[in-house]
C-alpha atoms as a PDB file:
ATOM      1  CA  MET A   1     162.911  28.499 -54.600  1.00  0.00           C
ATOM      2  CA  LEU A   2     162.145  31.028 -57.337  1.00  0.00           C
ATOM      3  CA  GLU A   3     159.895  29.692 -60.108  1.00  0.00           C
ATOM      4  CA  LEU A   4     157.773  30.954 -62.984  1.00  0.00           C
ATOM      5  CA  ARG A   5     154.304  29.835 -63.903  1.00  0.00           C
ATOM      6  CA  PRO A   6     151.963  31.092 -66.644  1.00  0.00           C
ATOM      7  CA  ALA A   7     149.745  33.969 -65.570  1.00  0.00           C
ATOM      8  CA  GLY A   8     146.054  33.141 -65.817  1.00  0.00           C
ATOM      9  CA  ALA A   9     142.732  34.913 -65.513  1.00  0.00           C
ATOM     10  CA  GLU A  10     142.707  33.954 -61.797  1.00  0.00           C
ATOM     11  CA  ASP A  11     145.827  36.086 -61.294  1.00  0.00           C
ATOM     12  CA  GLN A  12     144.324  39.433 -62.275  1.00  0.00           C
ATOM     13  CA  ASP A  13     143.889  40.711 -58.711  1.00  0.00           C
ATOM     14  CA  PHE A  14     147.467  39.773 -57.855  1.00  0.00           C
ATOM     15  CA  LEU A  15     148.769  41.355 -61.069  1.00  0.00           C
ATOM     16  CA  LEU A  16     146.822  44.519 -60.252  1.00  0.00           C
ATOM     17  CA  ARG A  17     148.501  44.588 -56.843  1.00  0.00           C
ATOM     18  CA  VAL A  18     151.939  44.207 -58.478  1.00  0.00           C
ATOM     19  CA  TYR A  19     151.159  46.969 -60.935  1.00  0.00           C
ATOM     20  CA  ALA A  20     149.879  49.259 -58.158  1.00  0.00           C
ATOM     21  CA  SER A  21     153.133  48.732 -56.274  1.00  0.00           C
ATOM     22  CA  THR A  22     155.099  49.982 -59.280  1.00  0.00           C
ATOM     23  CA  ARG A  23     153.069  53.201 -59.367  1.00  0.00           C
ATOM     24  CA  ALA A  24     152.719  53.814 -55.592  1.00  0.00           C
ATOM     25  CA  ASP A  25     155.299  56.609 -55.325  1.00  0.00           C
ATOM     26  CA  GLU A  26     153.883  58.441 -58.327  1.00  0.00           C
ATOM     27  CA  ILE A  27     150.275  58.027 -57.150  1.00  0.00           C
ATOM     28  CA  ALA A  28     151.161  59.337 -53.674  1.00  0.00           C
ATOM     29  CA  LEU A  29     152.267  62.630 -55.260  1.00  0.00           C
ATOM     30  CA  ALA A  30     148.899  63.119 -57.001  1.00  0.00           C
ATOM     31  CA  GLY A  31     147.053  63.907 -53.766  1.00  0.00           C
ATOM     32  CA  TRP A  32     144.066  61.722 -54.639  1.00  0.00           C
ATOM     33  CA  ASP A  33     141.881  60.020 -52.099  1.00  0.00           C
ATOM     34  CA  GLU A  34     141.986  56.234 -51.906  1.00  0.00           C
ATOM     35  CA  ALA A  35     139.054  55.713 -54.288  1.00  0.00           C
ATOM     36  CA  GLN A  36     140.448  58.043 -56.936  1.00  0.00           C
ATOM     37  CA  ALA A  37     143.887  56.433 -56.720  1.00  0.00           C
ATOM     38  CA  ALA A  38     142.393  52.936 -56.951  1.00  0.00           C
ATOM     39  CA  ALA A  39     140.258  53.875 -59.966  1.00  0.00           C
ATOM     40  CA  PHE A  40     143.232  55.411 -61.740  1.00  0.00           C
ATOM     41  CA  VAL A  41     145.506  52.457 -61.054  1.00  0.00           C
ATOM     42  CA  ARG A  42     142.853  49.964 -62.235  1.00  0.00           C
ATOM     43  CA  MET A  43     142.275  51.959 -65.446  1.00  0.00           C
ATOM     44  CA  GLN A  44     146.021  52.122 -66.183  1.00  0.00           C
ATOM     45  CA  PHE A  45     146.471  48.431 -65.342  1.00  0.00           C
ATOM     46  CA  VAL A  46     143.699  47.361 -67.709  1.00  0.00           C
ATOM     47  CA  ALA A  47     145.178  49.560 -70.470  1.00  0.00           C
ATOM     48  CA  GLN A  48     148.653  48.171 -69.907  1.00  0.00           C
ATOM     49  CA  GLN A  49     147.512  44.562 -69.917  1.00  0.00           C
ATOM     50  CA  HIS A  50     145.493  45.143 -73.084  1.00  0.00           C
ATOM     51  CA  HIS A  51     148.503  46.769 -74.759  1.00  0.00           C
ATOM     52  CA  TYR A  52     150.899  43.980 -73.810  1.00  0.00           C
ATOM     53  CA  ARG A  53     148.536  41.179 -74.817  1.00  0.00           C
ATOM     54  CA  THR A  54     147.566  42.878 -78.077  1.00  0.00           C
ATOM     55  CA  HIS A  55     151.083  43.723 -79.233  1.00  0.00           C
ATOM     56  CA  ASP A  56     152.844  40.631 -77.871  1.00  0.00           C
ATOM     57  CA  GLU A  57     150.138  37.997 -77.692  1.00  0.00           C
ATOM     58  CA  ASP A  58     152.694  35.203 -78.156  1.00  0.00           C
ATOM     59  CA  ALA A  59     154.883  36.421 -75.285  1.00  0.00           C
ATOM     60  CA  ASP A  60     155.363  34.538 -72.028  1.00  0.00           C
ATOM     61  CA  PHE A  61     153.315  36.181 -69.304  1.00  0.00           C
ATOM     62  CA  ALA A  62     154.484  34.659 -66.024  1.00  0.00           C
ATOM     63  CA  ILE A  63     153.872  34.924 -62.316  1.00  0.00           C
ATOM     64  CA  VAL A  64     157.077  34.876 -60.271  1.00  0.00           C
ATOM     65  CA  GLU A  65     156.717  32.614 -57.230  1.00  0.00           C
ATOM     66  CA  LEU A  66     159.011  32.223 -54.276  1.00  0.00           C
ATOM     67  CA  ASP A  67     158.428  28.912 -52.479  1.00  0.00           C
ATOM     68  CA  GLY A  68     154.969  28.759 -54.021  1.00  0.00           C
ATOM     69  CA  GLU A  69     153.963  32.300 -53.044  1.00  0.00           C
ATOM     70  CA  PRO A  70     153.407  34.840 -55.852  1.00  0.00           C
ATOM     71  CA  VAL A  71     155.860  37.738 -55.511  1.00  0.00           C
ATOM     72  CA  GLY A  72     155.961  39.353 -58.962  1.00  0.00           C
ATOM     73  CA  ARG A  73     155.559  39.166 -62.685  1.00  0.00           C
ATOM     74  CA  LEU A  74     157.846  38.608 -65.676  1.00  0.00           C
ATOM     75  CA  TYR A  75     156.680  39.174 -69.250  1.00  0.00           C
ATOM     76  CA  VAL A  76     159.075  38.184 -72.016  1.00  0.00           C
ATOM     77  CA  ALA A  77     158.795  38.269 -75.815  1.00  0.00           C
ATOM     78  CA  ARG A  78     161.185  35.945 -77.621  1.00  0.00           C
ATOM     79  CA  ARG A  79     161.812  37.261 -81.110  1.00  0.00           C
ATOM     80  CA  PRO A  80     164.121  36.045 -83.853  1.00  0.00           C
ATOM     81  CA  GLU A  81     166.451  39.010 -83.358  1.00  0.00           C
ATOM     82  CA  ARG A  82     166.296  39.422 -79.551  1.00  0.00           C
ATOM     83  CA  ILE A  83     164.802  38.450 -76.216  1.00  0.00           C
ATOM     84  CA  HIS A  84     162.741  41.398 -75.014  1.00  0.00           C
ATOM     85  CA  VAL A  85     161.753  41.856 -71.376  1.00  0.00           C
ATOM     86  CA  ILE A  86     158.347  43.472 -71.696  1.00  0.00           C
ATOM     87  CA  ASP A  87     157.983  43.888 -67.933  1.00  0.00           C
ATOM     88  CA  ILE A  88     159.535  42.674 -64.706  1.00  0.00           C
ATOM     89  CA  ALA A  89     158.184  43.679 -61.290  1.00  0.00           C
ATOM     90  CA  ILE A  90     158.570  42.304 -57.819  1.00  0.00           C
ATOM     91  CA  LEU A  91     156.374  43.274 -54.849  1.00  0.00           C
ATOM     92  CA  PRO A  92     158.069  45.690 -52.445  1.00  0.00           C
ATOM     93  CA  ALA A  93     158.412  43.166 -49.589  1.00  0.00           C
ATOM     94  CA  TRP A  94     160.555  40.954 -51.837  1.00  0.00           C
ATOM     95  CA  ARG A  95     162.581  43.682 -53.604  1.00  0.00           C
ATOM     96  CA  GLY A  96     166.273  43.963 -52.837  1.00  0.00           C
ATOM     97  CA  HIS A  97     166.726  40.235 -52.272  1.00  0.00           C
ATOM     98  CA  GLY A  98     168.199  39.402 -55.674  1.00  0.00           C
ATOM     99  CA  HIS A  99     165.048  37.881 -57.213  1.00  0.00           C
ATOM    100  CA  ALA A 100     164.909  40.203 -60.241  1.00  0.00           C
ATOM    101  CA  THR A 101     168.666  39.775 -60.685  1.00  0.00           C
ATOM    102  CA  ALA A 102     168.283  36.006 -60.710  1.00  0.00           C
ATOM    103  CA  LEU A 103     165.494  36.167 -63.285  1.00  0.00           C
ATOM    104  CA  LEU A 104     167.443  38.548 -65.506  1.00  0.00           C
ATOM    105  CA  ARG A 105     170.571  36.359 -65.261  1.00  0.00           C
ATOM    106  CA  GLN A 106     168.499  33.423 -66.510  1.00  0.00           C
ATOM    107  CA  LEU A 107     167.423  35.499 -69.484  1.00  0.00           C
ATOM    108  CA  LEU A 108     171.012  36.620 -70.130  1.00  0.00           C
ATOM    109  CA  ALA A 109     172.141  32.965 -70.064  1.00  0.00           C
ATOM    110  CA  GLU A 110     169.428  32.182 -72.600  1.00  0.00           C
ATOM    111  CA  GLY A 111     170.626  35.132 -74.721  1.00  0.00           C
ATOM    112  CA  GLU A 112     174.182  33.803 -74.449  1.00  0.00           C
ATOM    113  CA  ARG A 113     173.129  30.317 -75.551  1.00  0.00           C
ATOM    114  CA  LEU A 114     171.119  31.653 -78.491  1.00  0.00           C
ATOM    115  CA  ALA A 115     173.560  34.479 -79.349  1.00  0.00           C
ATOM    116  CA  LEU A 116     170.742  36.979 -78.966  1.00  0.00           C
ATOM    117  CA  PRO A 117     170.672  40.353 -77.230  1.00  0.00           C
ATOM    118  CA  VAL A 118     168.294  40.931 -74.323  1.00  0.00           C
ATOM    119  CA  SER A 119     166.478  44.260 -74.210  1.00  0.00           C
ATOM    120  CA  ILE A 120     164.133  46.185 -71.912  1.00  0.00           C
ATOM    121  CA  TYR A 121     162.434  49.572 -71.966  1.00  0.00           C
ATOM    122  CA  VAL A 122     162.818  51.362 -68.651  1.00  0.00           C
ATOM    123  CA  GLU A 123     161.405  54.641 -67.403  1.00  0.00           C
ATOM    124  CA  ILE A 124     164.090  57.328 -67.273  1.00  0.00           C
ATOM    125  CA  HIS A 125     163.624  57.779 -63.503  1.00  0.00           C
ATOM    126  CA  ASN A 126     163.411  54.081 -62.613  1.00  0.00           C
ATOM    127  CA  ARG A 127     166.054  53.027 -60.068  1.00  0.00           C
ATOM    128  CA  ALA A 128     166.183  49.584 -61.698  1.00  0.00           C
ATOM    129  CA  GLN A 129     168.448  51.093 -64.380  1.00  0.00           C
ATOM    130  CA  ARG A 130     171.325  50.607 -61.923  1.00  0.00           C
ATOM    131  CA  LEU A 131     170.571  46.887 -61.784  1.00  0.00           C
ATOM    132  CA  TYR A 132     170.442  46.647 -65.560  1.00  0.00           C
ATOM    133  CA  ALA A 133     173.726  48.528 -65.869  1.00  0.00           C
ATOM    134  CA  ARG A 134     175.403  46.202 -63.320  1.00  0.00           C
ATOM    135  CA  LEU A 135     174.264  43.253 -65.459  1.00  0.00           C
ATOM    136  CA  GLY A 136     175.819  44.781 -68.570  1.00  0.00           C
ATOM    137  CA  PHE A 137     172.797  46.462 -70.178  1.00  0.00           C
ATOM    138  CA  GLU A 138     173.587  49.685 -72.023  1.00  0.00           C
ATOM    139  CA  GLU A 139     171.319  52.451 -73.236  1.00  0.00           C
ATOM    140  CA  VAL A 140     170.569  52.116 -76.926  1.00  0.00           C
ATOM    141  CA  CYS A 141     168.120  54.959 -77.408  1.00  0.00           C
ATOM    142  CA  SER A 142     165.574  57.130 -75.587  1.00  0.00           C
ATOM    143  CA  ALA A 143     161.980  57.815 -76.518  1.00  0.00           C
ATOM    144  CA  GLY A 144     159.905  60.143 -74.339  1.00  0.00           C
ATOM    145  CA  LEU A 145     159.962  58.965 -70.745  1.00  0.00           C
ATOM    146  CA  HIS A 146     161.582  55.607 -71.599  1.00  0.00           C
ATOM    147  CA  ARG A 147     164.971  54.400 -72.690  1.00  0.00           C
ATOM    148  CA  LEU A 148     165.791  51.160 -74.385  1.00  0.00           C
ATOM    149  CA  MET A 149     168.549  49.240 -72.639  1.00  0.00           C
ATOM    150  CA  GLN A 150     170.188  46.203 -74.180  1.00  0.00           C
ATOM    151  CA  TRP A 151     172.668  43.523 -73.242  1.00  0.00           C
ATOM    152  CA  CYS A 152     174.570  41.739 -76.002  1.00  0.00           C
ATOM    153  CA  PRO A 153     176.399  38.437 -75.705  1.00  0.00           C
ATOM    154  CA  VAL A 154     180.112  38.473 -76.431  1.00  0.00           C
ATOM    155  CA  GLY A 155     180.742  38.204 -80.160  1.00  0.00           C
ATOM    156  CA  ALA A 156     177.125  38.836 -81.184  1.00  0.00           C
ATOM    157  CA  THR A 157     176.293  41.613 -83.582  1.00  0.00           C
ATOM    158  CA  PRO A 158     173.658  43.865 -82.026  1.00  0.00           C
ATOM    159  CA  PRO A 159     170.529  44.285 -84.132  1.00  0.00           C
ATOM    160  CA  GLU A 160     169.721  47.687 -85.545  1.00  0.00           C
ATOM    161  CA  THR A 161     168.244  50.016 -82.972  1.00  0.00           C
ATOM    162  CA  PRO A 162     164.484  49.549 -83.196  1.00  0.00           C
ATOM    163  CA  ALA A 163     162.257  52.506 -83.789  1.00  0.00           C
ATOM    164  CA  ALA A 164     159.495  53.093 -81.237  1.00  0.00           C
ATOM    165  CA  SER A 165     158.561  49.497 -80.497  1.00  0.00           C
ATOM    166  CA  ALA A 166     155.041  48.142 -80.156  1.00  0.00           C
ATOM    167  CA  THR A 167     156.050  46.911 -76.709  1.00  0.00           C
ATOM    168  CA  GLN A 168     157.399  50.245 -75.581  1.00  0.00           C
ATOM    169  CA  PRO A 169     155.256  51.236 -72.601  1.00  0.00           C
END
């Protein structure tokens, strides 16, 4: 069973592993040795966590568990005008099994109930864009290496396109 629990200080090593898995392909291209790659990933992870917790301190930072085993992370900021997925990542061994889809569908159902759009920034080369498109997300705008994708419930008026958001990666 897929469940969420609040991320705590004791989860930092796991969250670093999840983050590293999202950067593995990119890091492999750099040609660094293991120590260099690990140092870079740790530095980027710390910076990302600081950014997320500074700009969205009231967001829900959750560990995704499957039958009690941690398999990913889901960070969500609930705002008056929208539900914003700050980050969603599943470890490679559990990707492709519908877990991210199930989590996103829960957020879309919440958006439907509250008549709020659901948004996410995604890197322009991220394959997950196909998943978001299948779920009804559409590109709203692009900024640098990221694009803002948004799903709107039927009958809801989409909010104005945000400028570069504080939660943009």
